[in-house]
Amino acid sequence: MAKKIYERLEAISYSRPSGSVEERKALEYLAQEIRRIGFEPELETFSYTRRVPVKATLAAVLEDGKEVSFQVTGVIDSLETTPEGETAEFAYLPSYDEVSLENLKGKFVLLHGRLSKEEYRRLRRAGIRGYAITSGTVRDTYENSDLETTRFRDNLSDLGPLPAYTIRLIDAVELLRVRPKKVRYTLQLQEETVQSRNLIVTVPGTAASDELIVAGAHYDSVPFSMGSWDNGAGAVQMVSLLEYLKAHPVRRAVKVILFGSEETGLRGSRAYVEAHPEVIEKTRAMINVDVGGSILGKELLFIGAVSDTEVWIRQFLKEVGYAAVTVQKLMSSDSANFNDYGVPSISIGQGAPQGGGYMHTRYDNMDLIDENVLEREAGFLAALTERLANATVFPIPRVIPEALRKEAIDYFGEKSHLATQPPIPEEKPLPFHF
C-alpha cells in the first residue's frame, strides 16, 4: 500500500491551480484510480468569478524625486487604482499598537503577513489608502522564490477593499532601506469566471440509516507549487480510504469527496454544501485531510465540535497508537464550510518544524514526502472513518459550540450561514437516579 499511495501522489505532483487544465487533469487521474477500485465517481461542476490583477506596480519616491521600482503582485479581489496610478506617503507598520496606528491617515502602508479581520478594521479606522503584505523570507533570492498569490478575504468584505499588493520580503527590506517619503502605485483588475469540479463517491452503508459521514480533501494547489504536501497527500489518502471501505463495508454510508479550488477560498466545499442541503441534513460529521506525507513534522487534529469530542478523539488515539496533537479550533480548510452549515468536523493535518515547512512555495514537492508516513496517515484515516461509521450511537453531537460558531461567523463574514441560524444549545446530562 505504501508504494501505491506514493506513486499516486507522484502522478499528481505538478502545479494544478483552480480552474486550470492541470487541475482537471489531476482529477481525471484520481477518478480513473477510483474506478479501478470499483466505484463510479460523480463529477459536479461549479463556477465562480474573481477579479485578478493584470497590472500591478509599486515605486518608492525618494527625496530627490527619483523613483525605485519593486516587483509586486496585486491581491485578487482588492480595489483598483485610477489607470494612471496614485501617490501617497509611505509608512511601515511592524505592529498594531495605538502609537503606530496614530499617524497613518492617507498613507500607503507596508505590513507583515496576512491580515486578520481586527487588524484590517484598525487599518481602515486609521484611514490608510493602500497596503502591501510580505511574502517569503529574508534568505530568498529571485531565482528560488515566487510572489505568493493572495486574495482579499470574504470576511473583510463588509469593511471594503483597498488597493493591496504582495511584495517579497527581500524587496520589502530594500524598500525600507531607500527610506521613501512617498510611493507611487497602480493596480488594474480584470474579472474572470473560473470553472472547477468536485468528485463525489458514495459508499453505501450495510444498515438502513439516514445518517452518513463525509470524508474529504482538496486536490488543487497554488499556481507555482507542485502541491505534494498541500494537498496531494490528502487527495490520494482519500483514494486509499475508498480501497479500505471496498474491502471493509461499514454500517453508515460514507461520501468521499475531492474538492476543487480550495486554495482560492474553499470554493469547492462551499459549492457542495450550498447545493446539497439534503446531504448536509443527514451528515453526522465531516472528516477532512489537508496537508500530510512529510517525513518531518507532527500530526495535528483540529476538532470542529464540542469539547467532549476532543476527549473522545484523544482516547481513540491512545487505543490505536497514533501520535497526534489535538486542538478544538476551526481549521482554515474545507471542513470550515461544513462547520458553517452545522456539521461537526475532525480535520487531519501536519505541522512542520521551523525551517521544515514549504506550504504555498515551489518547494512543496516530493522531496520530503515519505511513503511510510503516507501509509500511516492513510491507516489512521481509515480507522477513524470505520469507528465512526460503525458506532452504535454516534459519539459526536451534531452541535457547533458557541466559541466555534463565533469563529465561523468571523471567518466567513457576510457569507456565514451560521450567522443566519440560532445557536443550538448543547444537551445537559440527565440527573442521576437509581
Protein backbone atom coordinates (compact mmCIF):
# COMPACT_ATOMS: atom_id res chain seq x y z
CA MET A 1 0.00 0.00 0.00
CA ALA A 2 2.82 2.43 0.86
CA LYS A 3 4.32 2.19 -2.62
CA LYS A 4 0.94 2.55 -4.33
CA ILE A 5 -0.09 5.67 -2.41
CA TYR A 6 3.34 7.22 -3.03
CA GLU A 7 3.08 6.55 -6.76
CA ARG A 8 -0.39 8.10 -6.87
CA LEU A 9 0.97 11.23 -5.22
CA GLU A 10 3.87 11.37 -7.66
CA ALA A 11 1.36 11.19 -10.52
CA ILE A 12 -0.44 14.40 -9.46
CA SER A 13 2.57 16.35 -8.13
CA TYR A 14 2.53 19.26 -10.55
CA SER A 15 1.07 22.73 -10.31
CA ARG A 16 -2.74 22.44 -10.58
CA PRO A 17 -4.32 25.82 -9.80
CA SER A 18 -8.04 26.45 -9.53
CA GLY A 19 -9.81 26.13 -12.86
CA SER A 20 -6.69 25.16 -14.79
CA VAL A 21 -6.23 22.35 -17.30
CA GLU A 22 -3.83 20.78 -14.79
CA GLU A 23 -6.46 20.79 -12.03
CA ARG A 24 -8.82 18.91 -14.35
CA LYS A 25 -6.06 16.51 -15.42
CA ALA A 26 -5.32 15.63 -11.79
CA LEU A 27 -8.99 14.97 -11.09
CA GLU A 28 -9.29 12.75 -14.16
CA TYR A 29 -6.35 10.67 -12.92
CA LEU A 30 -7.87 10.33 -9.44
CA ALA A 31 -11.24 9.36 -10.96
CA GLN A 32 -9.51 6.68 -13.03
CA GLU A 33 -7.86 5.25 -9.90
CA ILE A 34 -11.24 5.21 -8.12
CA ARG A 35 -12.85 3.31 -10.99
CA ARG A 36 -10.11 0.70 -10.73
CA ILE A 37 -11.12 0.15 -7.11
CA GLY A 38 -14.68 -0.50 -8.19
CA PHE A 39 -16.57 2.76 -7.58
CA GLU A 40 -18.12 5.07 -10.16
CA PRO A 41 -17.47 8.70 -9.11
CA GLU A 42 -19.81 11.60 -9.83
CA LEU A 43 -18.43 14.88 -11.13
CA GLU A 44 -20.08 18.17 -10.20
CA THR A 45 -19.03 21.35 -11.95
CA PHE A 46 -19.22 24.75 -10.27
CA SER A 47 -18.06 28.22 -11.22
CA TYR A 48 -17.21 31.48 -9.53
CA THR A 49 -16.00 34.93 -10.54
CA ARG A 50 -12.99 36.83 -9.28
CA ARG A 51 -11.08 39.99 -10.16
CA VAL A 52 -7.46 39.19 -10.95
CA PRO A 53 -4.59 41.68 -11.35
CA VAL A 54 -3.49 42.49 -14.90
CA LYS A 55 -1.23 45.40 -13.92
CA ALA A 56 0.45 45.99 -10.57
CA THR A 57 3.32 48.43 -9.96
CA LEU A 58 4.93 49.95 -6.87
CA ALA A 59 7.73 52.54 -6.84
CA ALA A 60 9.46 54.34 -3.99
CA VAL A 61 9.63 58.12 -4.50
CA LEU A 62 12.88 59.43 -2.99
CA GLU A 63 13.60 62.91 -1.59
CA ASP A 64 15.34 63.97 -4.80
CA GLY A 65 12.33 62.90 -6.86
CA LYS A 66 13.92 59.75 -8.27
CA GLU A 67 11.89 56.54 -8.26
CA VAL A 68 12.93 52.98 -7.44
CA SER A 69 10.58 50.27 -8.69
CA PHE A 70 9.86 46.99 -6.89
CA GLN A 71 8.28 43.78 -8.14
CA VAL A 72 4.81 43.24 -6.69
CA THR A 73 1.63 41.38 -7.50
CA GLY A 74 -1.86 42.67 -6.84
CA VAL A 75 -4.17 41.00 -4.36
CA ILE A 76 -7.11 39.26 -6.06
CA ASP A 77 -10.48 40.99 -5.47
CA SER A 78 -8.87 44.07 -3.91
CA LEU A 79 -9.53 47.63 -5.19
CA GLU A 80 -8.26 49.16 -8.41
CA THR A 81 -6.44 52.47 -8.54
CA THR A 82 -7.06 55.03 -11.25
CA PRO A 83 -5.45 53.93 -14.56
CA GLU A 84 -2.65 56.48 -14.17
CA GLY A 85 -1.95 55.34 -10.61
CA GLU A 86 -1.88 57.07 -7.22
CA THR A 87 0.74 58.59 -4.93
CA ALA A 88 0.69 58.50 -1.14
CA GLU A 89 3.01 59.00 1.81
CA PHE A 90 4.70 55.80 2.91
CA ALA A 91 4.69 54.14 6.35
CA TYR A 92 6.00 50.88 7.77
CA LEU A 93 3.81 49.15 10.35
CA PRO A 94 5.59 46.36 12.27
CA SER A 95 2.83 46.19 14.91
CA TYR A 96 -0.74 47.36 15.52
CA ASP A 97 -0.26 49.27 18.75
CA GLU A 98 -2.02 52.61 19.25
CA VAL A 99 1.10 54.72 18.74
CA SER A 100 1.96 53.04 15.43
CA LEU A 101 -1.60 53.43 14.14
CA GLU A 102 -1.93 57.08 15.15
CA ASN A 103 -0.48 58.81 12.06
CA LEU A 104 -1.43 56.55 9.16
CA LYS A 105 -4.25 58.58 7.63
CA GLY A 106 -3.86 58.88 3.86
CA LYS A 107 -0.72 56.72 3.78
CA PHE A 108 0.33 53.59 1.95
CA VAL A 109 1.46 51.00 4.50
CA LEU A 110 3.93 48.10 4.41
CA LEU A 111 2.76 45.19 6.61
CA HIS A 112 3.93 41.70 7.54
CA GLY A 113 1.98 38.58 6.58
CA ARG A 114 -1.76 38.17 6.19
CA LEU A 115 -4.35 40.35 7.87
CA SER A 116 -6.84 39.32 10.49
CA LYS A 117 -10.24 40.99 10.46
CA GLU A 118 -9.41 43.02 13.58
CA GLU A 119 -6.08 44.17 12.12
CA TYR A 120 -7.78 45.24 8.91
CA ARG A 121 -10.51 47.00 10.88
CA ARG A 122 -7.85 49.02 12.71
CA LEU A 123 -6.17 49.95 9.44
CA ARG A 124 -9.48 51.17 7.98
CA ARG A 125 -10.17 53.22 11.10
CA ALA A 126 -6.69 54.72 10.76
CA GLY A 127 -7.59 55.82 7.22
CA ILE A 128 -4.87 54.16 5.14
CA ARG A 129 -5.09 54.39 1.33
CA GLY A 130 -3.44 51.10 0.38
CA TYR A 131 -1.07 48.44 1.65
CA ALA A 132 1.47 45.75 0.75
CA ILE A 133 1.96 42.48 2.63
CA THR A 134 5.17 40.46 2.59
CA SER A 135 5.84 37.03 1.12
CA GLY A 136 8.76 34.65 1.71
CA THR A 137 11.89 35.02 3.86
CA VAL A 138 14.90 37.33 4.02
CA ARG A 139 17.09 34.48 2.69
CA ASP A 140 15.16 34.15 -0.57
CA THR A 141 16.52 35.09 -3.98
CA TYR A 142 14.60 35.89 -7.15
CA GLU A 143 15.74 32.56 -8.55
CA ASN A 144 14.40 30.44 -5.69
CA SER A 145 11.19 32.23 -4.71
CA ASP A 146 7.78 33.23 -6.03
CA LEU A 147 5.38 36.00 -5.12
CA GLU A 148 2.53 34.38 -3.24
CA THR A 149 -0.86 34.85 -4.84
CA THR A 150 -3.26 36.14 -2.19
CA ARG A 151 -6.85 37.35 -2.28
CA PHE A 152 -8.97 39.83 -0.40
CA ARG A 153 -10.74 37.57 2.07
CA ASP A 154 -14.52 37.32 2.23
CA ASN A 155 -14.64 38.08 5.94
CA LEU A 156 -13.19 41.55 5.25
CA SER A 157 -15.77 42.43 2.59
CA ASP A 158 -18.04 44.37 4.94
CA LEU A 159 -15.11 46.75 5.60
CA GLY A 160 -14.48 47.33 1.88
CA PRO A 161 -11.30 46.60 -0.11
CA LEU A 162 -8.31 48.87 -0.70
CA PRO A 163 -5.54 48.70 -3.32
CA ALA A 164 -3.44 45.81 -1.99
CA TYR A 165 -0.23 44.11 -3.06
CA THR A 166 2.16 41.29 -2.18
CA ILE A 167 5.91 42.02 -2.13
CA ARG A 168 8.84 39.69 -1.48
CA LEU A 169 10.32 40.16 1.98
CA ILE A 170 13.75 40.72 0.39
CA ASP A 171 12.27 43.62 -1.59
CA ALA A 172 10.46 44.94 1.48
CA VAL A 173 13.85 45.23 3.19
CA GLU A 174 15.23 47.21 0.23
CA LEU A 175 12.12 49.40 0.16
CA LEU A 176 12.78 50.35 3.78
CA ARG A 177 16.47 50.94 3.12
CA VAL A 178 15.83 53.59 0.46
CA ARG A 179 13.66 55.49 3.01
CA PRO A 180 10.95 56.72 0.65
CA LYS A 181 8.80 59.67 1.59
CA LYS A 182 6.12 58.54 -0.82
CA VAL A 183 5.20 55.61 -3.06
CA ARG A 184 3.57 55.60 -6.47
CA TYR A 185 1.35 52.61 -7.21
CA THR A 186 -1.07 51.30 -9.82
CA LEU A 187 -3.42 48.33 -9.75
CA GLN A 188 -5.75 47.25 -12.52
CA LEU A 189 -8.01 44.18 -12.21
CA GLN A 190 -9.96 42.08 -14.68
CA GLU A 191 -13.00 39.95 -13.89
CA GLU A 192 -12.83 36.30 -14.89
CA THR A 193 -15.10 33.31 -14.46
CA VAL A 194 -13.43 30.14 -13.18
CA GLN A 195 -14.86 26.66 -13.68
CA SER A 196 -13.81 23.86 -11.36
CA ARG A 197 -15.06 20.44 -10.23
CA ASN A 198 -15.81 18.28 -7.21
CA LEU A 199 -15.65 14.49 -7.36
CA ILE A 200 -18.09 12.53 -5.16
CA VAL A 201 -18.13 8.81 -4.35
CA THR A 202 -20.96 7.37 -2.25
CA VAL A 203 -20.10 4.20 -0.36
CA PRO A 204 -23.42 2.64 0.75
CA GLY A 205 -23.84 1.53 4.34
CA THR A 206 -24.73 -2.03 5.31
CA ALA A 207 -27.57 -0.92 7.62
CA ALA A 208 -30.64 1.14 6.82
CA SER A 209 -29.87 4.58 8.23
CA ASP A 210 -30.44 8.21 7.37
CA GLU A 211 -27.06 9.06 8.91
CA LEU A 212 -23.90 9.43 6.87
CA ILE A 213 -20.31 10.65 7.15
CA VAL A 214 -18.43 12.87 4.71
CA ALA A 215 -14.68 12.42 4.24
CA GLY A 216 -12.95 14.96 2.01
CA ALA A 217 -9.76 16.62 0.81
CA HIS A 218 -8.90 19.23 -1.79
CA TYR A 219 -6.78 18.33 -4.79
CA ASP A 220 -5.83 21.75 -6.23
CA SER A 221 -2.62 23.67 -5.50
CA VAL A 222 -1.43 27.27 -5.60
CA PRO A 223 -0.09 28.34 -9.02
CA PHE A 224 3.67 27.85 -8.55
CA SER A 225 3.57 24.82 -6.24
CA MET A 226 3.52 21.11 -7.08
CA GLY A 227 1.22 20.68 -4.08
CA SER A 228 2.53 17.31 -2.87
CA TRP A 229 2.24 18.20 0.82
CA ASP A 230 -0.67 20.61 0.36
CA ASN A 231 -2.73 18.75 -0.56
CA GLY A 232 -1.98 15.98 -2.98
CA ALA A 233 -1.29 13.84 0.07
CA GLY A 234 -4.84 14.31 1.36
CA ALA A 235 -6.32 13.56 -2.07
CA VAL A 236 -4.50 10.24 -2.50
CA GLN A 237 -5.30 9.26 1.09
CA MET A 238 -8.99 9.60 0.18
CA VAL A 239 -8.42 7.14 -2.68
CA SER A 240 -6.81 4.76 -0.18
CA LEU A 241 -9.82 5.20 2.11
CA LEU A 242 -12.07 4.03 -0.73
CA GLU A 243 -9.89 0.94 -1.16
CA TYR A 244 -10.30 0.19 2.54
CA LEU A 245 -14.07 0.72 2.53
CA LYS A 246 -14.41 -1.53 -0.53
CA ALA A 247 -12.81 -4.35 1.45
CA HIS A 248 -14.38 -3.47 4.82
CA PRO A 249 -18.07 -2.42 4.47
CA VAL A 250 -19.42 -0.19 7.25
CA ARG A 251 -22.87 0.43 8.74
CA ARG A 252 -23.33 4.09 7.82
CA ALA A 253 -22.94 5.46 4.31
CA VAL A 254 -19.75 7.40 3.63
CA LYS A 255 -19.43 10.11 0.99
CA VAL A 256 -15.82 10.63 -0.08
CA ILE A 257 -15.36 14.00 -1.82
CA LEU A 258 -12.39 15.52 -3.61
CA PHE A 259 -12.87 19.29 -3.60
CA GLY A 260 -11.64 21.68 -6.28
CA SER A 261 -10.49 25.26 -5.78
CA GLU A 262 -9.86 25.15 -2.03
CA GLU A 263 -6.84 27.43 -2.41
CA THR A 264 -8.97 30.27 -3.78
CA GLY A 265 -11.39 30.44 -0.88
CA LEU A 266 -12.74 26.95 -0.12
CA ARG A 267 -14.80 27.24 -3.30
CA GLY A 268 -15.48 23.55 -3.96
CA SER A 269 -16.72 22.68 -0.48
CA ARG A 270 -18.83 25.85 -0.41
CA ALA A 271 -20.44 24.90 -3.71
CA TYR A 272 -21.15 21.42 -2.34
CA VAL A 273 -22.78 22.42 0.97
CA GLU A 274 -24.92 25.03 -0.78
CA ALA A 275 -26.06 22.58 -3.48
CA HIS A 276 -26.86 19.63 -1.20
CA PRO A 277 -28.94 20.66 1.83
CA GLU A 278 -30.46 17.17 1.97
CA VAL A 279 -27.00 15.61 2.35
CA ILE A 280 -25.93 18.16 4.95
CA GLU A 281 -29.07 17.39 6.96
CA LYS A 282 -28.07 13.72 7.17
CA THR A 283 -24.34 14.26 7.75
CA ARG A 284 -23.26 13.50 11.31
CA ALA A 285 -19.62 14.51 10.89
CA MET A 286 -17.07 15.57 8.30
CA ILE A 287 -13.52 14.17 8.30
CA ASN A 288 -11.10 16.41 6.41
CA VAL A 289 -7.47 15.82 5.41
CA ASP A 290 -5.34 18.82 4.47
CA VAL A 291 -1.51 18.60 4.38
CA GLY A 292 0.41 15.41 5.02
CA GLY A 293 3.05 12.90 3.97
CA SER A 294 6.20 14.77 5.06
CA ILE A 295 8.99 12.88 6.81
CA LEU A 296 9.31 15.97 9.06
CA GLY A 297 6.67 17.27 11.43
CA LYS A 298 3.87 16.29 13.76
CA GLU A 299 0.32 15.14 13.11
CA LEU A 300 -2.45 17.59 14.04
CA LEU A 301 -6.16 17.14 14.64
CA PHE A 302 -8.44 20.20 14.56
CA ILE A 303 -11.68 19.42 16.37
CA GLY A 304 -14.60 21.41 14.98
CA ALA A 305 -17.05 20.05 17.51
CA VAL A 306 -18.00 20.10 21.20
CA SER A 307 -15.21 19.69 23.75
CA ASP A 308 -16.28 16.11 24.57
CA THR A 309 -15.27 15.19 21.03
CA GLU A 310 -11.68 16.16 21.75
CA VAL A 311 -11.77 13.97 24.86
CA TRP A 312 -13.13 11.10 22.77
CA ILE A 313 -10.55 11.52 20.00
CA ARG A 314 -7.66 11.61 22.49
CA GLN A 315 -8.77 8.27 23.88
CA PHE A 316 -9.12 6.89 20.36
CA LEU A 317 -5.54 7.99 19.57
CA LYS A 318 -4.30 6.01 22.56
CA GLU A 319 -6.34 2.99 21.57
CA VAL A 320 -4.99 2.83 18.01
CA GLY A 321 -1.49 4.02 18.93
CA TYR A 322 -1.41 7.10 16.72
CA ALA A 323 0.63 10.12 17.85
CA ALA A 324 -1.11 13.45 17.21
CA VAL A 325 -1.75 16.81 18.84
CA THR A 326 -5.38 17.88 19.21
CA VAL A 327 -6.94 21.33 19.42
CA GLN A 328 -10.56 22.46 19.46
CA LYS A 329 -10.47 25.00 16.64
CA LEU A 330 -11.89 25.86 13.23
CA MET A 331 -9.39 24.80 10.55
CA SER A 332 -8.93 27.07 7.54
CA SER A 333 -9.83 24.29 5.13
CA ASP A 334 -12.87 22.64 3.54
CA SER A 335 -14.13 21.41 6.92
CA ALA A 336 -14.89 25.04 7.84
CA ASN A 337 -17.76 25.15 5.32
CA PHE A 338 -19.31 22.06 6.90
CA ASN A 339 -18.92 23.68 10.34
CA ASP A 340 -20.65 26.78 8.99
CA TYR A 341 -23.58 24.58 7.96
CA GLY A 342 -23.80 22.98 11.40
CA VAL A 343 -21.79 19.79 10.75
CA PRO A 344 -19.10 18.84 13.32
CA SER A 345 -15.68 18.02 11.90
CA ILE A 346 -12.34 16.40 12.58
CA SER A 347 -9.60 17.86 10.38
CA ILE A 348 -6.37 15.92 9.99
CA GLY A 349 -3.23 17.85 9.09
CA GLN A 350 0.51 18.02 9.61
CA GLY A 351 2.68 20.72 11.14
CA ALA A 352 6.31 21.22 10.11
CA PRO A 353 9.20 22.23 12.38
CA GLN A 354 10.71 25.68 11.91
CA GLY A 355 12.57 25.71 8.61
CA GLY A 356 10.99 22.43 7.51
CA GLY A 357 7.71 23.75 6.09
CA TYR A 358 7.15 24.69 2.48
CA MET A 359 3.42 25.32 2.08
CA HIS A 360 2.47 27.58 -0.84
CA THR A 361 6.00 27.64 -2.25
CA ARG A 362 7.81 26.00 -5.16
CA TYR A 363 9.39 23.66 -2.60
CA ASP A 364 6.13 21.88 -1.89
CA ASN A 365 7.16 18.85 -3.94
CA MET A 366 8.06 15.20 -3.40
CA ASP A 367 11.47 15.89 -1.81
CA LEU A 368 10.31 15.40 1.80
CA ILE A 369 7.39 13.05 1.14
CA ASP A 370 7.81 9.64 2.78
CA GLU A 371 5.77 6.62 1.69
CA ASN A 372 5.64 5.17 5.21
CA VAL A 373 4.25 8.43 6.62
CA LEU A 374 1.62 8.47 3.87
CA GLU A 375 0.66 4.90 4.71
CA ARG A 376 0.47 5.61 8.44
CA GLU A 377 -1.73 8.67 7.89
CA ALA A 378 -3.98 6.78 5.48
CA GLY A 379 -4.30 3.98 8.03
CA PHE A 380 -5.42 6.39 10.73
CA LEU A 381 -7.95 7.99 8.37
CA ALA A 382 -9.41 4.54 7.63
CA ALA A 383 -9.51 3.57 11.33
CA LEU A 384 -11.25 6.81 12.33
CA THR A 385 -13.78 6.59 9.49
CA GLU A 386 -14.52 2.96 10.29
CA ARG A 387 -15.03 3.64 14.01
CA LEU A 388 -17.47 6.47 13.37
CA ALA A 389 -19.30 4.66 10.58
CA ASN A 390 -19.80 1.54 12.71
CA ALA A 391 -20.69 3.25 16.02
CA THR A 392 -23.96 2.01 17.54
CA VAL A 393 -24.74 5.52 18.76
CA PHE A 394 -22.84 8.29 17.02
CA PRO A 395 -20.31 9.66 19.56
CA ILE A 396 -20.20 13.26 18.24
CA PRO A 397 -23.21 15.51 18.94
CA ARG A 398 -24.41 17.45 15.91
CA VAL A 399 -23.75 20.78 17.60
CA ILE A 400 -21.32 23.60 16.83
CA PRO A 401 -20.37 25.08 20.24
CA GLU A 402 -20.69 28.83 20.68
CA ALA A 403 -16.93 29.55 20.59
CA LEU A 404 -16.55 27.74 17.26
CA ARG A 405 -19.77 29.29 15.99
CA LYS A 406 -18.24 32.74 16.56
CA GLU A 407 -15.04 31.61 14.81
CA ALA A 408 -17.04 30.51 11.77
CA ILE A 409 -19.05 33.74 11.62
CA ASP A 410 -15.85 35.78 11.88
CA TYR A 411 -14.10 33.61 9.29
CA PHE A 412 -16.83 33.78 6.64
CA GLY A 413 -18.09 37.28 7.40
CA GLU A 414 -21.20 38.28 5.47
CA LYS A 415 -21.32 34.86 3.76
CA SER A 416 -21.62 32.90 7.00
CA HIS A 417 -24.59 30.54 7.08
CA LEU A 418 -24.40 30.13 10.87
CA ALA A 419 -24.91 33.87 11.27
CA THR A 420 -28.47 33.37 9.98
CA GLN A 421 -29.23 30.49 12.34
CA PRO A 422 -29.95 30.49 16.08
CA PRO A 423 -27.35 28.65 18.18
CA ILE A 424 -28.13 25.03 19.09
CA PRO A 425 -27.66 24.50 22.83
CA GLU A 426 -25.59 21.56 23.98
CA GLU A 427 -27.55 18.88 25.80
CA LYS A 428 -27.07 18.78 29.56
CA PRO A 429 -26.66 15.38 31.24
CA LEU A 430 -29.74 13.96 32.90
CA PRO A 431 -29.81 13.88 36.71
CA PHE A 432 -28.56 10.67 38.27
CA HIS A 433 -31.18 8.18 39.52
CA PHE A 434 -31.01 4.65 40.92
